[in-house]
Each structure stands twice: as structure tokens, then as C-alpha cells.
Amino acid sequence: MSVIKEAELPGLGKKFQINLENGERIAIVVHDDGNREIYHFAGDEDEPVDSFLLNDQEARQIGSIIAGAFYQPKTLEKLETAVSDLRIEWLKVREQSPINGRSIGELGLRKNHGIVVISVIDEKRRNKREAVCINPGPGFVFTPGQIIIAAGTSEKMKQFEEEMF
């Protein structure tokens, strides 16, 4: 498995570098504005062989393709069956969201909605350790600006988005 190196780029975003098994490298710069720059380096070369810029939507679409959301290789068919209806969404809490100011337990997300909150990213604390809360408990309260990473069936996630966002 490849190691991913992560570096803060103050005022710009974050850089992720992956050293591939074949000796090549890929560097991805995720800008604070949502754009992504992708660079491909051959071996130990300092100059990229190729690079391109993606906006947020393009990056998420390509990420979904790479992650296998649209096509699973034949060797992974059993995994596809197990997660065929699983949907993971990144949802932003807004001031007017009915979820704002309420806790996971109060909303009964798992019991009443069939939704599991995987993680919450607090945009206001972006560069601090407490900016990410993994597997928040029932007492966790949602506030505007947070990004909720939630999972559920396609049907449940659609209902959740319509009711709470």
C-alpha cells in the first residue's frame, strides 16, 4: 500500500503526495476554494510530466469513478453486492437547516432515519486538531458551517437531505 504524505499550504489549502509502486509520484493540491490541481511526476524528477486543474464538482465526479461508484471490476462483484445501495454524502449545515442546533440523539438519525454520521468537519476550526470529529456520539450538536459525512441507503439519504438540508 502506498503512503500518503500530507502538508498544509497556509492560505492555499493542503497538498497530498502519493509515491506509486512504479516509482512515479502524484501530488494533489486541494485549494480552500474547492479546486484541485493534480501533478504527475516521473521517478525522482522535480518537474511534473503533466498537470491539470479540476473544479470541486469535477474532482468529486472523478473521485467517484476511481472509488468504483459507477463500475466495479469483476473481481469485486461480491463487495458491490454488499454495498450496492450504500450512499455516502458530504452535507453542509446552513443557518436555516432544520438540523442546526440539534443533536444526533435528539434527531434520532440512526433509529428514525437510518442514517449513520461517520464524521463531522467544522469549517470554523479548519486548521485545528478538533476540526474533525470522527464517529460523533448522540450528544453531538450540529452548527452552521459544519460538513457532515453521513451514510445510509440511497432512499434514506435522499429523505434525510430533503428533510434536514
Protein backbone atom coordinates (compact mmCIF):
# COMPACT_ATOMS: atom_id res chain seq x y z
CA MET A 1 0.00 0.00 0.00
CA SER A 2 1.26 3.48 -0.86
CA VAL A 3 1.98 6.05 1.80
CA ILE A 4 0.21 9.40 1.52
CA LYS A 5 2.15 12.43 2.68
CA GLU A 6 0.11 15.44 3.71
CA ALA A 7 1.28 19.06 4.01
CA GLU A 8 -0.53 22.26 4.98
CA LEU A 9 -0.28 25.09 2.46
CA PRO A 10 -1.23 28.16 4.55
CA GLY A 11 -3.65 30.43 2.73
CA LEU A 12 -3.97 27.92 -0.13
CA GLY A 13 -5.13 24.52 1.15
CA LYS A 14 -3.47 21.12 1.54
CA LYS A 15 -1.08 19.05 -0.54
CA PHE A 16 -1.21 15.27 -0.69
CA GLN A 17 1.59 13.26 -2.28
CA ILE A 18 1.42 9.58 -3.16
CA ASN A 19 4.50 7.58 -4.12
CA LEU A 20 3.35 4.89 -6.52
CA GLU A 21 4.75 1.34 -6.65
CA ASN A 22 6.30 2.02 -10.06
CA GLY A 23 8.43 4.87 -8.64
CA GLU A 24 6.26 7.68 -10.00
CA ARG A 25 4.54 10.26 -7.79
CA ILE A 26 1.21 12.04 -7.83
CA ALA A 27 0.70 15.30 -5.97
CA ILE A 28 -2.77 16.70 -5.38
CA VAL A 29 -3.30 20.24 -4.10
CA VAL A 30 -6.77 20.77 -2.63
CA HIS A 31 -7.41 24.51 -2.61
CA ASP A 32 -9.55 26.16 0.06
CA ASP A 33 -11.89 27.29 -2.75
CA GLY A 34 -12.57 23.64 -3.73
CA ASN A 35 -10.39 23.47 -6.85
CA ARG A 36 -7.85 20.67 -7.17
CA GLU A 37 -4.54 20.63 -9.00
CA ILE A 38 -3.14 17.23 -9.91
CA TYR A 39 0.53 16.72 -10.80
CA HIS A 40 2.23 13.60 -12.18
CA PHE A 41 5.98 13.19 -11.61
CA ALA A 42 8.22 10.57 -13.23
CA GLY A 43 10.64 8.98 -10.75
CA ASP A 44 12.72 11.49 -8.80
CA GLU A 45 12.10 14.34 -11.26
CA ASP A 46 11.22 17.71 -9.70
CA GLU A 47 9.25 18.95 -12.71
CA PRO A 48 5.87 17.36 -13.36
CA VAL A 49 5.33 15.33 -16.52
CA ASP A 50 1.74 16.52 -16.61
CA SER A 51 -0.74 18.53 -14.55
CA PHE A 52 -4.33 19.68 -14.70
CA LEU A 53 -6.89 21.67 -12.72
CA LEU A 54 -10.32 20.40 -11.64
CA ASN A 55 -13.17 22.30 -10.03
CA ASP A 56 -14.89 20.78 -6.98
CA GLN A 57 -17.65 19.02 -8.92
CA GLU A 58 -15.23 17.57 -11.50
CA ALA A 59 -12.93 16.31 -8.72
CA ARG A 60 -15.83 14.60 -6.91
CA GLN A 61 -17.06 13.01 -10.14
CA ILE A 62 -13.60 11.64 -10.95
CA GLY A 63 -13.18 10.53 -7.33
CA SER A 64 -16.46 8.61 -7.55
CA ILE A 65 -15.32 6.89 -10.72
CA ILE A 66 -11.95 5.96 -9.21
CA ALA A 67 -13.63 4.76 -6.00
CA GLY A 68 -15.83 2.43 -8.04
CA ALA A 69 -19.19 4.17 -7.67
CA PHE A 70 -20.00 3.61 -11.37
CA TYR A 71 -18.13 0.42 -12.20
CA GLN A 72 -16.61 -2.33 -10.10
CA PRO A 73 -14.04 -4.66 -11.64
CA LYS A 74 -15.36 -8.24 -11.91
CA THR A 75 -13.15 -9.37 -9.01
CA LEU A 76 -15.04 -7.02 -6.69
CA GLU A 77 -18.60 -8.12 -7.55
CA LYS A 78 -19.21 -9.58 -4.08
CA LEU A 79 -18.23 -6.27 -2.46
CA GLU A 80 -20.50 -4.41 -4.88
CA THR A 81 -23.46 -6.56 -3.86
CA ALA A 82 -22.80 -5.89 -0.20
CA VAL A 83 -22.68 -2.11 -0.67
CA SER A 84 -24.78 -1.64 -3.80
CA ASP A 85 -27.32 0.63 -2.10
CA LEU A 86 -24.88 2.35 0.25
CA ARG A 87 -24.59 6.09 -0.27
CA ILE A 88 -22.12 8.37 1.48
CA GLU A 89 -22.78 12.10 1.29
CA TRP A 90 -20.98 15.28 2.37
CA LEU A 91 -23.64 17.73 3.54
CA LYS A 92 -23.15 21.29 4.80
CA VAL A 93 -25.16 22.59 7.75
CA ARG A 94 -26.60 26.01 6.91
CA GLU A 95 -28.19 28.60 9.23
CA GLN A 96 -31.69 27.66 8.02
CA SER A 97 -31.13 23.87 8.15
CA PRO A 98 -33.61 22.12 10.49
CA ILE A 99 -30.63 20.12 11.77
CA ASN A 100 -28.94 23.31 13.06
CA GLY A 101 -28.67 23.39 16.88
CA ARG A 102 -29.94 19.83 17.32
CA SER A 103 -28.04 16.74 18.44
CA ILE A 104 -27.64 13.38 16.72
CA GLY A 105 -29.60 11.73 19.56
CA GLU A 106 -32.38 14.32 19.54
CA LEU A 107 -32.83 13.80 15.80
CA GLY A 108 -32.66 10.01 16.19
CA LEU A 109 -30.65 9.81 13.00
CA ARG A 110 -29.90 6.09 13.19
CA LYS A 111 -33.19 4.98 14.77
CA ASN A 112 -35.62 7.30 12.95
CA HIS A 113 -33.81 7.97 9.69
CA GLY A 114 -31.46 5.00 9.13
CA ILE A 115 -28.52 7.42 8.84
CA VAL A 116 -25.06 6.94 10.34
CA VAL A 117 -22.88 10.01 10.86
CA ILE A 118 -19.35 8.93 10.02
CA SER A 119 -17.61 12.22 10.69
CA VAL A 120 -18.16 15.96 11.03
CA ILE A 121 -15.73 18.59 9.80
CA ASP A 122 -16.01 22.01 11.42
CA GLU A 123 -15.03 24.60 8.80
CA LYS A 124 -14.55 27.27 11.51
CA ARG A 125 -11.76 25.20 13.10
CA ARG A 126 -10.26 24.08 9.80
CA ASN A 127 -6.59 24.16 10.82
CA LYS A 128 -7.04 22.79 14.33
CA ARG A 129 -6.96 19.22 15.59
CA GLU A 130 -10.56 19.39 16.82
CA ALA A 131 -11.79 20.38 13.33
CA VAL A 132 -12.68 16.76 12.59
CA CYS A 133 -14.90 14.66 14.84
CA ILE A 134 -14.90 11.01 13.79
CA ASN A 135 -17.91 8.90 14.80
CA PRO A 136 -19.63 11.59 16.89
CA GLY A 137 -21.90 10.36 19.68
CA PRO A 138 -25.60 11.08 20.29
CA GLY A 139 -24.81 14.29 22.21
CA PHE A 140 -23.04 15.89 19.27
CA VAL A 141 -24.81 19.16 18.27
CA PHE A 142 -24.79 20.41 14.69
CA THR A 143 -23.91 24.05 13.95
CA PRO A 144 -23.77 26.11 10.74
CA GLY A 145 -20.69 25.62 8.60
CA GLN A 146 -20.10 22.02 9.61
CA ILE A 147 -19.71 19.39 6.90
CA ILE A 148 -21.45 16.13 7.83
CA ILE A 149 -20.21 12.92 6.27
CA ALA A 150 -23.14 10.53 6.55
CA ALA A 151 -24.02 7.10 5.20
CA GLY A 152 -27.26 5.29 4.53
CA THR A 153 -29.23 3.66 1.77
CA SER A 154 -29.94 5.76 -1.30
CA GLU A 155 -33.58 6.16 -0.26
CA LYS A 156 -32.78 7.11 3.34
CA MET A 157 -30.07 9.59 2.32
CA LYS A 158 -32.44 11.26 -0.15
CA GLN A 159 -35.11 11.66 2.55
CA PHE A 160 -32.51 12.91 5.04
CA GLU A 161 -31.26 15.57 2.62
CA GLU A 162 -34.77 16.71 1.72
CA GLU A 163 -35.89 16.98 5.37
CA MET A 164 -32.74 18.36 7.01
CA PHE A 165 -30.95 20.42 4.38
